[in-house]
């Protein structure tokens, strides 16, 4: 049995500039942080003659083209892995909540399959393979953020060249600021799972068509990502908290479907109970609200009164890892 563990993520800054529709013009730049909430993938050779696949559904098929799960089907095809094979997945957080679960799933699956084939693969190449599956083979309207942070871990800045080449650089966040971030950053589930595809597809379509408003918004978002990086590396987490609000307001303007009345009300609740700033994590329209709150207990009490679940976390600094091999 081979088991991989791959972190989910929170987006820190520059989100949206990781999509090909944007970075193919002038490049992109984004900051992301891996957290200690994970996707687990188990892979095992069996004594049958088929693929036995367990996720939210069960599949038992003889050939790769019969596999309904698109990521699993494409990964097995790309790596040319024949049965018998059992694949099972579990996650700390459900899919469709804005924490990059699809990218983490793909990275974790590829990690386990390469170990199965007794192949070493670097973090960079693993992320690129995951991007190739989601962006090129499946034509999903996604970017490179989720796959790269899942593979690398940490709090990391990624720069994307117009040709798609990615370079990674860990942020030099002082230990005291890192502690403050883990203490005062708070995640609350809004109660709605959603697919990001329609929102991201709209952004991609408008960017490709040369929509001036969308291009300007993403240019500003990229610049703001640099300001956020400077604040974090200067050890100014409260400044970062305030910048989160600027980031969220730009993000909201990218699409009418980015927020809802319910989410806006919850955001206002957070600000009125002491949060310096916050934003919706992920593409929008649901998932998790993230706030920076100097008084976490006050904010926690307000959201608990509304019946919203908090997800506590610390940062993950390992990226995808092998947990077991037998």
C-alpha atoms as a PDB file:
ATOM      1  CA  UNK A   1       0.000   0.000   0.000  1.00  0.00           C
ATOM      2  CA  UNK A   2       1.255   3.463  -0.949  1.00  0.00           C
ATOM      3  CA  UNK A   3      -0.310   6.500   0.749  1.00  0.00           C
ATOM      4  CA  UNK A   4       0.410  10.111  -0.200  1.00  0.00           C
ATOM      5  CA  UNK A   5      -0.573  13.160   1.841  1.00  0.00           C
ATOM      6  CA  UNK A   6      -1.037  16.471   0.021  1.00  0.00           C
ATOM      7  CA  UNK A   7      -1.926  19.827   1.615  1.00  0.00           C
ATOM      8  CA  UNK A   8      -4.813  22.089   0.744  1.00  0.00           C
ATOM      9  CA  UNK A   9      -4.100  25.799   0.465  1.00  0.00           C
ATOM     10  CA  UNK A  10      -5.210  29.339   1.168  1.00  0.00           C
ATOM     11  CA  UNK A  11      -4.542  31.959  -1.469  1.00  0.00           C
ATOM     12  CA  UNK A  12      -2.539  34.924  -0.195  1.00  0.00           C
ATOM     13  CA  UNK A  13      -2.266  37.289  -3.168  1.00  0.00           C
ATOM     14  CA  UNK A  14      -2.180  37.519  -6.940  1.00  0.00           C
ATOM     15  CA  UNK A  15      -4.887  34.909  -7.483  1.00  0.00           C
ATOM     16  CA  UNK A  16      -6.240  34.936 -11.027  1.00  0.00           C
ATOM     17  CA  UNK A  17      -2.900  35.803 -12.622  1.00  0.00           C
ATOM     18  CA  UNK A  18      -2.045  32.086 -12.621  1.00  0.00           C
ATOM     19  CA  UNK A  19      -4.520  31.374 -15.434  1.00  0.00           C
ATOM     20  CA  UNK A  20      -3.081  30.864 -18.947  1.00  0.00           C
ATOM     21  CA  UNK A  21      -5.491  33.476 -20.324  1.00  0.00           C
ATOM     22  CA  UNK A  22      -3.588  36.068 -18.257  1.00  0.00           C
ATOM     23  CA  UNK A  23       0.013  34.911 -17.872  1.00  0.00           C
ATOM     24  CA  UNK A  24       0.485  34.182 -21.598  1.00  0.00           C
ATOM     25  CA  UNK A  25       0.560  37.946 -22.207  1.00  0.00           C
ATOM     26  CA  UNK A  26       2.969  39.369 -19.606  1.00  0.00           C
ATOM     27  CA  UNK A  27       3.430  36.575 -17.095  1.00  0.00           C
ATOM     28  CA  UNK A  28       1.770  36.126 -13.714  1.00  0.00           C
ATOM     29  CA  UNK A  29       2.734  36.160 -10.056  1.00  0.00           C
ATOM     30  CA  UNK A  30       0.881  34.764  -7.059  1.00  0.00           C
ATOM     31  CA  UNK A  31       1.391  33.943  -3.383  1.00  0.00           C
ATOM     32  CA  UNK A  32      -0.103  30.901  -1.728  1.00  0.00           C
ATOM     33  CA  UNK A  33       0.176  29.037   1.570  1.00  0.00           C
ATOM     34  CA  UNK A  34      -0.218  25.317   2.205  1.00  0.00           C
ATOM     35  CA  UNK A  35      -2.145  24.380   5.350  1.00  0.00           C
ATOM     36  CA  UNK A  36      -2.300  21.270   7.517  1.00  0.00           C
ATOM     37  CA  UNK A  37      -5.565  20.052   6.029  1.00  0.00           C
ATOM     38  CA  UNK A  38      -4.933  17.273   3.565  1.00  0.00           C
ATOM     39  CA  UNK A  39      -5.999  15.043   0.704  1.00  0.00           C
ATOM     40  CA  UNK A  40      -4.926  11.402   1.124  1.00  0.00           C
ATOM     41  CA  UNK A  41      -4.497   9.003  -1.795  1.00  0.00           C
ATOM     42  CA  UNK A  42      -3.983   5.285  -1.348  1.00  0.00           C
ATOM     43  CA  UNK A  43      -2.716   3.077  -4.191  1.00  0.00           C
ATOM     44  CA  UNK A  44      -2.413  -0.686  -3.987  1.00  0.00           C
ATOM     45  CA  UNK A  45      -1.745  -3.593  -6.327  1.00  0.00           C
ATOM     46  CA  UNK A  46      -4.489  -6.229  -5.946  1.00  0.00           C
ATOM     47  CA  UNK A  47      -5.059  -9.833  -7.002  1.00  0.00           C
ATOM     48  CA  UNK A  48      -7.870  -9.005  -9.421  1.00  0.00           C
ATOM     49  CA  UNK A  49      -7.635  -8.013 -13.077  1.00  0.00           C
ATOM     50  CA  UNK A  50      -9.316  -4.599 -12.951  1.00  0.00           C
ATOM     51  CA  UNK A  51      -9.250  -1.038 -11.608  1.00  0.00           C
ATOM     52  CA  UNK A  52     -11.056  -0.634  -8.276  1.00  0.00           C
ATOM     53  CA  UNK A  53     -11.517   3.079  -7.554  1.00  0.00           C
ATOM     54  CA  UNK A  54     -13.029   4.576  -4.403  1.00  0.00           C
ATOM     55  CA  UNK A  55     -13.846   8.257  -3.946  1.00  0.00           C
ATOM     56  CA  UNK A  56     -17.329   9.736  -3.437  1.00  0.00           C
ATOM     57  CA  UNK A  57     -18.359   6.937  -5.797  1.00  0.00           C
ATOM     58  CA  UNK A  58     -17.166   3.401  -6.490  1.00  0.00           C
ATOM     59  CA  UNK A  59     -15.863   2.276  -9.867  1.00  0.00           C
ATOM     60  CA  UNK A  60     -14.765  -1.192 -10.936  1.00  0.00           C
ATOM     61  CA  UNK A  61     -13.708  -1.341 -14.587  1.00  0.00           C
ATOM     62  CA  UNK A  62     -11.396  -3.340 -16.828  1.00  0.00           C
ATOM     63  CA  UNK A  63      -9.855  -0.589 -18.961  1.00  0.00           C
ATOM     64  CA  UNK A  64      -8.699   3.010 -18.538  1.00  0.00           C
ATOM     65  CA  UNK A  65     -11.203   4.554 -21.008  1.00  0.00           C
ATOM     66  CA  UNK A  66     -14.031   3.159 -18.880  1.00  0.00           C
ATOM     67  CA  UNK A  67     -12.959   5.157 -15.806  1.00  0.00           C
ATOM     68  CA  UNK A  68     -15.437   7.957 -15.111  1.00  0.00           C
ATOM     69  CA  UNK A  69     -13.254  10.044 -12.791  1.00  0.00           C
ATOM     70  CA  UNK A  70     -11.473  12.297 -15.312  1.00  0.00           C
ATOM     71  CA  UNK A  71      -8.321  13.048 -13.287  1.00  0.00           C
ATOM     72  CA  UNK A  72      -7.742   9.404 -12.367  1.00  0.00           C
ATOM     73  CA  UNK A  73      -8.377   8.288 -15.948  1.00  0.00           C
ATOM     74  CA  UNK A  74      -5.939  10.847 -17.395  1.00  0.00           C
ATOM     75  CA  UNK A  75      -3.238  10.191 -14.789  1.00  0.00           C
ATOM     76  CA  UNK A  76      -3.311   6.445 -15.380  1.00  0.00           C
ATOM     77  CA  UNK A  77      -3.284   6.990 -19.153  1.00  0.00           C
ATOM     78  CA  UNK A  78      -0.454   9.516 -19.059  1.00  0.00           C
ATOM     79  CA  UNK A  79       1.710   7.255 -16.868  1.00  0.00           C
ATOM     80  CA  UNK A  80       0.578   4.094 -18.709  1.00  0.00           C
ATOM     81  CA  UNK A  81      -0.367   2.114 -15.602  1.00  0.00           C
ATOM     82  CA  UNK A  82      -2.270  -1.119 -16.155  1.00  0.00           C
ATOM     83  CA  UNK A  83      -4.422  -3.106 -13.720  1.00  0.00           C
ATOM     84  CA  UNK A  84      -4.672  -4.672 -11.272  1.00  0.00           C
ATOM     85  CA  UNK A  85      -4.869  -1.485  -9.222  1.00  0.00           C
ATOM     86  CA  UNK A  86      -6.895  -0.135  -6.317  1.00  0.00           C
ATOM     87  CA  UNK A  87      -7.099   3.631  -5.717  1.00  0.00           C
ATOM     88  CA  UNK A  88      -8.830   5.244  -2.738  1.00  0.00           C
ATOM     89  CA  UNK A  89      -9.053   8.892  -1.681  1.00  0.00           C
ATOM     90  CA  UNK A  90     -10.034  10.755   1.479  1.00  0.00           C
ATOM     91  CA  UNK A  91      -9.868  14.440   2.422  1.00  0.00           C
ATOM     92  CA  UNK A  92     -10.046  16.563   5.570  1.00  0.00           C
ATOM     93  CA  UNK A  93     -12.189  19.165   3.754  1.00  0.00           C
ATOM     94  CA  UNK A  94     -14.811  18.424   1.081  1.00  0.00           C
ATOM     95  CA  UNK A  95     -14.219  19.391  -2.534  1.00  0.00           C
ATOM     96  CA  UNK A  96     -15.645  22.604  -3.956  1.00  0.00           C
ATOM     97  CA  UNK A  97     -14.861  24.776  -0.945  1.00  0.00           C
ATOM     98  CA  UNK A  98     -12.156  27.007  -2.421  1.00  0.00           C
ATOM     99  CA  UNK A  99      -9.093  25.381  -0.828  1.00  0.00           C
ATOM    100  CA  UNK A 100      -7.638  23.908  -4.015  1.00  0.00           C
ATOM    101  CA  UNK A 101      -8.788  20.321  -3.498  1.00  0.00           C
ATOM    102  CA  UNK A 102      -8.735  19.374  -7.192  1.00  0.00           C
ATOM    103  CA  UNK A 103      -5.109  20.431  -7.591  1.00  0.00           C
ATOM    104  CA  UNK A 104      -4.154  18.681  -4.346  1.00  0.00           C
ATOM    105  CA  UNK A 105      -5.937  15.515  -5.469  1.00  0.00           C
ATOM    106  CA  UNK A 106      -4.099  15.504  -8.792  1.00  0.00           C
ATOM    107  CA  UNK A 107      -0.695  16.125  -7.209  1.00  0.00           C
ATOM    108  CA  UNK A 108      -1.256  13.491  -4.521  1.00  0.00           C
ATOM    109  CA  UNK A 109      -2.427  10.913  -7.057  1.00  0.00           C
ATOM    110  CA  UNK A 110       0.587  11.504  -9.298  1.00  0.00           C
ATOM    111  CA  UNK A 111       2.935  11.331  -6.296  1.00  0.00           C
ATOM    112  CA  UNK A 112       1.562   7.915  -5.334  1.00  0.00           C
ATOM    113  CA  UNK A 113       1.596   6.601  -8.902  1.00  0.00           C
ATOM    114  CA  UNK A 114       5.218   7.616  -9.455  1.00  0.00           C
ATOM    115  CA  UNK A 115       6.172   5.819  -6.247  1.00  0.00           C
ATOM    116  CA  UNK A 116       4.261   2.793  -7.528  1.00  0.00           C
ATOM    117  CA  UNK A 117       6.443   2.901 -10.652  1.00  0.00           C
ATOM    118  CA  UNK A 118       9.566   3.410  -8.489  1.00  0.00           C
ATOM    119  CA  UNK A 119      10.217   6.764 -10.129  1.00  0.00           C
ATOM    120  CA  UNK A 120      11.589   9.883  -8.466  1.00  0.00           C
ATOM    121  CA  UNK A 121       9.976  13.164  -9.499  1.00  0.00           C
ATOM    122  CA  UNK A 122      10.805  16.704  -8.347  1.00  0.00           C
ATOM    123  CA  UNK A 123       8.238  19.065  -6.824  1.00  0.00           C
ATOM    124  CA  UNK A 124       8.399  21.228  -9.947  1.00  0.00           C
ATOM    125  CA  UNK A 125       7.850  18.346 -12.368  1.00  0.00           C
ATOM    126  CA  UNK A 126       5.073  16.920 -10.225  1.00  0.00           C
ATOM    127  CA  UNK A 127       3.238  20.262 -10.292  1.00  0.00           C
ATOM    128  CA  UNK A 128       3.748  20.555 -14.043  1.00  0.00           C
ATOM    129  CA  UNK A 129       2.339  17.081 -14.650  1.00  0.00           C
ATOM    130  CA  UNK A 130      -0.718  17.984 -12.560  1.00  0.00           C
ATOM    131  CA  UNK A 131      -1.169  21.226 -14.528  1.00  0.00           C
ATOM    132  CA  UNK A 132      -0.823  19.311 -17.792  1.00  0.00           C
ATOM    133  CA  UNK A 133      -3.626  16.966 -16.792  1.00  0.00           C
ATOM    134  CA  UNK A 134      -6.052  19.659 -15.633  1.00  0.00           C
ATOM    135  CA  UNK A 135      -5.263  22.445 -18.098  1.00  0.00           C
ATOM    136  CA  UNK A 136      -4.106  20.652 -21.256  1.00  0.00           C
ATOM    137  CA  UNK A 137      -5.664  17.190 -21.195  1.00  0.00           C
ATOM    138  CA  UNK A 138      -8.974  18.052 -19.502  1.00  0.00           C
ATOM    139  CA  UNK A 139      -9.242  21.671 -20.691  1.00  0.00           C
ATOM    140  CA  UNK A 140     -10.384  22.854 -17.283  1.00  0.00           C
ATOM    141  CA  UNK A 141     -10.450  26.673 -16.900  1.00  0.00           C
ATOM    142  CA  UNK A 142      -7.996  26.590 -13.996  1.00  0.00           C
ATOM    143  CA  UNK A 143      -4.596  28.075 -13.291  1.00  0.00           C
ATOM    144  CA  UNK A 144      -1.325  26.814 -11.814  1.00  0.00           C
ATOM    145  CA  UNK A 145      -1.680  27.976  -8.224  1.00  0.00           C
ATOM    146  CA  UNK A 146      -3.260  24.906  -6.632  1.00  0.00           C
ATOM    147  CA  UNK A 147      -0.964  22.311  -8.182  1.00  0.00           C
ATOM    148  CA  UNK A 148       2.225  24.214  -7.372  1.00  0.00           C
ATOM    149  CA  UNK A 149       1.498  25.056  -3.749  1.00  0.00           C
ATOM    150  CA  UNK A 150       0.261  21.493  -3.139  1.00  0.00           C
ATOM    151  CA  UNK A 151       3.541  20.163  -4.466  1.00  0.00           C
ATOM    152  CA  UNK A 152       5.901  22.660  -2.790  1.00  0.00           C
ATOM    153  CA  UNK A 153       4.131  23.542   0.464  1.00  0.00           C
ATOM    154  CA  UNK A 154       5.095  26.469   2.679  1.00  0.00           C
ATOM    155  CA  UNK A 155       4.203  30.101   2.071  1.00  0.00           C
ATOM    156  CA  UNK A 156       5.537  30.569  -1.419  1.00  0.00           C
ATOM    157  CA  UNK A 157       5.692  33.081  -4.249  1.00  0.00           C
ATOM    158  CA  UNK A 158       5.346  31.660  -7.753  1.00  0.00           C
ATOM    159  CA  UNK A 159       6.224  33.630 -10.879  1.00  0.00           C
ATOM    160  CA  UNK A 160       4.890  32.420 -14.228  1.00  0.00           C
ATOM    161  CA  UNK A 161       6.520  33.382 -17.511  1.00  0.00           C
ATOM    162  CA  UNK A 162       4.402  33.848 -20.672  1.00  0.00           C
ATOM    163  CA  UNK A 163       5.552  30.428 -21.886  1.00  0.00           C
ATOM    164  CA  UNK A 164       4.182  28.862 -18.679  1.00  0.00           C
ATOM    165  CA  UNK A 165       7.550  28.330 -16.961  1.00  0.00           C
ATOM    166  CA  UNK A 166       7.158  28.640 -13.186  1.00  0.00           C
ATOM    167  CA  UNK A 167       9.751  29.578 -10.579  1.00  0.00           C
ATOM    168  CA  UNK A 168       9.127  29.187  -6.849  1.00  0.00           C
ATOM    169  CA  UNK A 169      10.576  31.206  -3.976  1.00  0.00           C
ATOM    170  CA  UNK A 170       9.625  30.689  -0.310  1.00  0.00           C
ATOM    171  CA  UNK A 171       8.621  33.866   1.504  1.00  0.00           C
ATOM    172  CA  UNK A 172      11.021  34.983   4.227  1.00  0.00           C
ATOM    173  CA  UNK A 173       8.388  35.629   6.908  1.00  0.00           C
ATOM    174  CA  UNK A 174       9.865  36.372  10.365  1.00  0.00           C
ATOM    175  CA  UNK A 175       8.978  33.731  12.993  1.00  0.00           C
ATOM    176  CA  UNK A 176       6.980  36.190  15.122  1.00  0.00           C
ATOM    177  CA  UNK A 177       4.882  37.227  12.117  1.00  0.00           C
ATOM    178  CA  UNK A 178       4.379  33.585  11.152  1.00  0.00           C
ATOM    179  CA  UNK A 179       3.099  32.896  14.661  1.00  0.00           C
ATOM    180  CA  UNK A 180       0.712  35.863  14.455  1.00  0.00           C
ATOM    181  CA  UNK A 181      -0.632  34.657  11.128  1.00  0.00           C
ATOM    182  CA  UNK A 182      -1.359  31.186  12.479  1.00  0.00           C
ATOM    183  CA  UNK A 183      -3.000  32.683  15.565  1.00  0.00           C
ATOM    184  CA  UNK A 184      -5.072  35.409  13.912  1.00  0.00           C
ATOM    185  CA  UNK A 185      -5.985  34.100  10.457  1.00  0.00           C
ATOM    186  CA  UNK A 186      -9.415  32.468  10.704  1.00  0.00           C
ATOM    187  CA  UNK A 187     -11.392  30.352   8.232  1.00  0.00           C
ATOM    188  CA  UNK A 188     -15.183  30.064   8.356  1.00  0.00           C
ATOM    189  CA  UNK A 189     -17.201  27.802   6.095  1.00  0.00           C
ATOM    190  CA  UNK A 190     -20.004  29.766   4.426  1.00  0.00           C
ATOM    191  CA  UNK A 191     -22.136  26.661   4.087  1.00  0.00           C
ATOM    192  CA  UNK A 192     -22.057  26.503   0.327  1.00  0.00           C
ATOM    193  CA  UNK A 193     -19.990  24.235  -1.894  1.00  0.00           C
ATOM    194  CA  UNK A 194     -19.720  25.217  -5.512  1.00  0.00           C
ATOM    195  CA  UNK A 195     -17.878  24.586  -8.744  1.00  0.00           C
ATOM    196  CA  UNK A 196     -15.385  27.298  -9.662  1.00  0.00           C
ATOM    197  CA  UNK A 197     -15.481  26.403 -13.343  1.00  0.00           C
ATOM    198  CA  UNK A 198     -18.101  28.899 -14.505  1.00  0.00           C
ATOM    199  CA  UNK A 199     -16.456  31.858 -12.741  1.00  0.00           C
ATOM    200  CA  UNK A 200     -12.975  30.939 -13.951  1.00  0.00           C
ATOM    201  CA  UNK A 201     -14.277  30.274 -17.462  1.00  0.00           C
ATOM    202  CA  UNK A 202     -15.786  33.764 -17.558  1.00  0.00           C
ATOM    203  CA  UNK A 203     -12.477  35.289 -16.482  1.00  0.00           C
ATOM    204  CA  UNK A 204     -10.595  33.265 -19.101  1.00  0.00           C
ATOM    205  CA  UNK A 205     -13.020  34.211 -21.869  1.00  0.00           C
ATOM    206  CA  UNK A 206     -12.889  37.914 -21.069  1.00  0.00           C
ATOM    207  CA  UNK A 207      -9.103  37.902 -20.684  1.00  0.00           C
ATOM    208  CA  UNK A 208      -8.589  36.076 -23.976  1.00  0.00           C
ATOM    209  CA  UNK A 209     -10.943  38.504 -25.722  1.00  0.00           C
ATOM    210  CA  UNK A 210      -8.847  41.435 -24.474  1.00  0.00           C
ATOM    211  CA  UNK A 211     -11.421  42.815 -22.029  1.00  0.00           C
ATOM    212  CA  UNK A 212      -9.748  46.003 -20.766  1.00  0.00           C
ATOM    213  CA  UNK A 213     -11.537  46.029 -17.430  1.00  0.00           C
ATOM    214  CA  UNK A 214     -10.585  42.438 -16.655  1.00  0.00           C
ATOM    215  CA  UNK A 215      -6.983  42.972 -17.735  1.00  0.00           C
ATOM    216  CA  UNK A 216      -6.640  46.086 -15.571  1.00  0.00           C
ATOM    217  CA  UNK A 217      -8.181  44.311 -12.593  1.00  0.00           C
ATOM    218  CA  UNK A 218      -5.718  41.421 -12.870  1.00  0.00           C
ATOM    219  CA  UNK A 219      -2.785  43.799 -13.411  1.00  0.00           C
ATOM    220  CA  UNK A 220      -3.723  45.564 -10.172  1.00  0.00           C
ATOM    221  CA  UNK A 221      -4.133  42.215  -8.422  1.00  0.00           C
ATOM    222  CA  UNK A 222      -0.641  41.180  -9.496  1.00  0.00           C
ATOM    223  CA  UNK A 223       0.851  44.438  -8.197  1.00  0.00           C
ATOM    224  CA  UNK A 224      -1.064  44.064  -4.931  1.00  0.00           C
ATOM    225  CA  UNK A 225       0.410  40.592  -4.551  1.00  0.00           C
ATOM    226  CA  UNK A 226       3.860  42.193  -4.506  1.00  0.00           C
ATOM    227  CA  UNK A 227       2.760  44.659  -1.815  1.00  0.00           C
ATOM    228  CA  UNK A 228       1.360  41.775   0.254  1.00  0.00           C
ATOM    229  CA  UNK A 229       4.641  39.901  -0.063  1.00  0.00           C
ATOM    230  CA  UNK A 230       6.570  42.958   1.138  1.00  0.00           C
ATOM    231  CA  UNK A 231       4.266  43.339   4.146  1.00  0.00           C
ATOM    232  CA  UNK A 232       4.657  39.701   5.172  1.00  0.00           C
ATOM    233  CA  UNK A 233       8.438  39.662   4.746  1.00  0.00           C
ATOM    234  CA  UNK A 234       8.658  42.915   6.730  1.00  0.00           C
ATOM    235  CA  UNK A 235       6.883  41.179   9.605  1.00  0.00           C
ATOM    236  CA  UNK A 236       3.683  43.233   9.322  1.00  0.00           C
ATOM    237  CA  UNK A 237       0.780  40.779   9.518  1.00  0.00           C
ATOM    238  CA  UNK A 238      -1.759  43.469  10.415  1.00  0.00           C
ATOM    239  CA  UNK A 239      -0.813  45.370   7.272  1.00  0.00           C
ATOM    240  CA  UNK A 240      -1.398  42.149   5.366  1.00  0.00           C
ATOM    241  CA  UNK A 241      -4.811  41.911   7.033  1.00  0.00           C
ATOM    242  CA  UNK A 242      -5.757  45.338   5.724  1.00  0.00           C
ATOM    243  CA  UNK A 243      -4.469  44.489   2.247  1.00  0.00           C
ATOM    244  CA  UNK A 244      -6.707  41.418   2.198  1.00  0.00           C
ATOM    245  CA  UNK A 245      -9.692  43.757   2.043  1.00  0.00           C
ATOM    246  CA  UNK A 246      -8.229  45.548  -0.993  1.00  0.00           C
ATOM    247  CA  UNK A 247      -7.634  42.169  -2.624  1.00  0.00           C
ATOM    248  CA  UNK A 248     -11.224  41.079  -1.953  1.00  0.00           C
ATOM    249  CA  UNK A 249     -12.752  44.268  -3.353  1.00  0.00           C
ATOM    250  CA  UNK A 250     -10.795  43.859  -6.609  1.00  0.00           C
ATOM    251  CA  UNK A 251     -11.745  40.199  -6.757  1.00  0.00           C
ATOM    252  CA  UNK A 252     -15.446  40.977  -6.307  1.00  0.00           C
ATOM    253  CA  UNK A 253     -15.370  43.316  -9.297  1.00  0.00           C
ATOM    254  CA  UNK A 254     -14.122  40.571 -11.633  1.00  0.00           C
ATOM    255  CA  UNK A 255     -17.473  38.797 -11.770  1.00  0.00           C
ATOM    256  CA  UNK A 256     -21.060  39.390 -10.702  1.00  0.00           C
ATOM    257  CA  UNK A 257     -21.089  35.790  -9.463  1.00  0.00           C
ATOM    258  CA  UNK A 258     -18.044  36.226  -7.239  1.00  0.00           C
ATOM    259  CA  UNK A 259     -20.088  36.935  -4.124  1.00  0.00           C
ATOM    260  CA  UNK A 260     -23.663  36.627  -2.853  1.00  0.00           C
ATOM    261  CA  UNK A 261     -25.809  38.624  -0.459  1.00  0.00           C
ATOM    262  CA  UNK A 262     -25.220  35.933   2.177  1.00  0.00           C
ATOM    263  CA  UNK A 263     -21.445  36.133   1.796  1.00  0.00           C
ATOM    264  CA  UNK A 264     -21.493  39.950   1.828  1.00  0.00           C
ATOM    265  CA  UNK A 265     -23.481  39.887   5.066  1.00  0.00           C
ATOM    266  CA  UNK A 266     -21.009  37.476   6.638  1.00  0.00           C
ATOM    267  CA  UNK A 267     -18.078  39.579   5.493  1.00  0.00           C
ATOM    268  CA  UNK A 268     -19.645  42.673   7.084  1.00  0.00           C
ATOM    269  CA  UNK A 269     -20.215  40.637  10.253  1.00  0.00           C
ATOM    270  CA  UNK A 270     -16.526  39.825  10.395  1.00  0.00           C
ATOM    271  CA  UNK A 271     -15.426  43.431   9.927  1.00  0.00           C
ATOM    272  CA  UNK A 272     -17.928  44.691  12.501  1.00  0.00           C
ATOM    273  CA  UNK A 273     -16.523  42.229  15.044  1.00  0.00           C
ATOM    274  CA  UNK A 274     -12.917  43.268  14.847  1.00  0.00           C
ATOM    275  CA  UNK A 275     -11.457  41.724  11.692  1.00  0.00           C
ATOM    276  CA  UNK A 276      -8.966  44.065  10.010  1.00  0.00           C
ATOM    277  CA  UNK A 277      -9.691  42.544   6.623  1.00  0.00           C
ATOM    278  CA  UNK A 278     -10.668  39.371   4.874  1.00  0.00           C
ATOM    279  CA  UNK A 279     -11.684  37.731   1.632  1.00  0.00           C
ATOM    280  CA  UNK A 280     -13.355  34.711   0.143  1.00  0.00           C
ATOM    281  CA  UNK A 281     -10.799  31.975  -0.539  1.00  0.00           C
ATOM    282  CA  UNK A 282     -11.018  30.386  -3.972  1.00  0.00           C
ATOM    283  CA  UNK A 283     -12.743  31.400  -7.191  1.00  0.00           C
ATOM    284  CA  UNK A 284     -15.835  32.762  -5.461  1.00  0.00           C
ATOM    285  CA  UNK A 285     -19.549  32.252  -4.759  1.00  0.00           C
ATOM    286  CA  UNK A 286     -18.989  29.953  -1.773  1.00  0.00           C
ATOM    287  CA  UNK A 287     -16.511  28.051   0.312  1.00  0.00           C
ATOM    288  CA  UNK A 288     -14.479  29.698   3.068  1.00  0.00           C
ATOM    289  CA  UNK A 289     -14.241  33.264   4.286  1.00  0.00           C
ATOM    290  CA  UNK A 290     -10.808  34.094   5.689  1.00  0.00           C
ATOM    291  CA  UNK A 291     -10.232  36.981   8.113  1.00  0.00           C
ATOM    292  CA  UNK A 292      -7.282  38.470   9.947  1.00  0.00           C
ATOM    293  CA  UNK A 293      -8.543  39.250  13.457  1.00  0.00           C
ATOM    294  CA  UNK A 294      -6.346  40.590  16.307  1.00  0.00           C
ATOM    295  CA  UNK A 295      -9.044  39.332  18.729  1.00  0.00           C
ATOM    296  CA  UNK A 296      -9.878  35.839  17.427  1.00  0.00           C
ATOM    297  CA  UNK A 297     -12.197  35.011  20.340  1.00  0.00           C
ATOM    298  CA  UNK A 298     -14.501  37.928  19.525  1.00  0.00           C
ATOM    299  CA  UNK A 299     -14.797  36.972  15.876  1.00  0.00           C
ATOM    300  CA  UNK A 300     -15.176  33.286  16.694  1.00  0.00           C
ATOM    301  CA  UNK A 301     -18.050  34.053  19.058  1.00  0.00           C
ATOM    302  CA  UNK A 302     -19.876  36.141  16.443  1.00  0.00           C
ATOM    303  CA  UNK A 303     -19.672  33.454  13.781  1.00  0.00           C
ATOM    304  CA  UNK A 304     -20.531  30.680  16.221  1.00  0.00           C
ATOM    305  CA  UNK A 305     -23.720  32.584  17.057  1.00  0.00           C
ATOM    306  CA  UNK A 306     -24.577  32.457  13.350  1.00  0.00           C
ATOM    307  CA  UNK A 307     -23.973  28.716  13.308  1.00  0.00           C
ATOM    308  CA  UNK A 308     -20.879  28.857  11.084  1.00  0.00           C
ATOM    309  CA  UNK A 309     -18.104  26.310  11.436  1.00  0.00           C
ATOM    310  CA  UNK A 310     -14.516  27.476  11.944  1.00  0.00           C
ATOM    311  CA  UNK A 311     -11.657  25.430  10.523  1.00  0.00           C
ATOM    312  CA  UNK A 312      -8.447  25.949  12.473  1.00  0.00           C
ATOM    313  CA  UNK A 313      -5.123  25.384  10.742  1.00  0.00           C
ATOM    314  CA  UNK A 314      -1.379  25.763  10.812  1.00  0.00           C
ATOM    315  CA  UNK A 315       0.894  26.117   7.805  1.00  0.00           C
ATOM    316  CA  UNK A 316       2.286  23.028   6.093  1.00  0.00           C
ATOM    317  CA  UNK A 317       5.935  23.337   5.076  1.00  0.00           C
ATOM    318  CA  UNK A 318       6.430  19.961   3.398  1.00  0.00           C
ATOM    319  CA  UNK A 319       4.103  19.867   0.406  1.00  0.00           C
ATOM    320  CA  UNK A 320       3.039  16.492  -0.862  1.00  0.00           C
ATOM    321  CA  UNK A 321       4.744  13.618   0.958  1.00  0.00           C
ATOM    322  CA  UNK A 322       4.714   9.844   1.090  1.00  0.00           C
ATOM    323  CA  UNK A 323       3.127   8.680   4.350  1.00  0.00           C
ATOM    324  CA  UNK A 324       3.362   4.922   3.909  1.00  0.00           C
ATOM    325  CA  UNK A 325       4.792   2.330   1.580  1.00  0.00           C
ATOM    326  CA  UNK A 326       4.581  -1.394   2.113  1.00  0.00           C
END
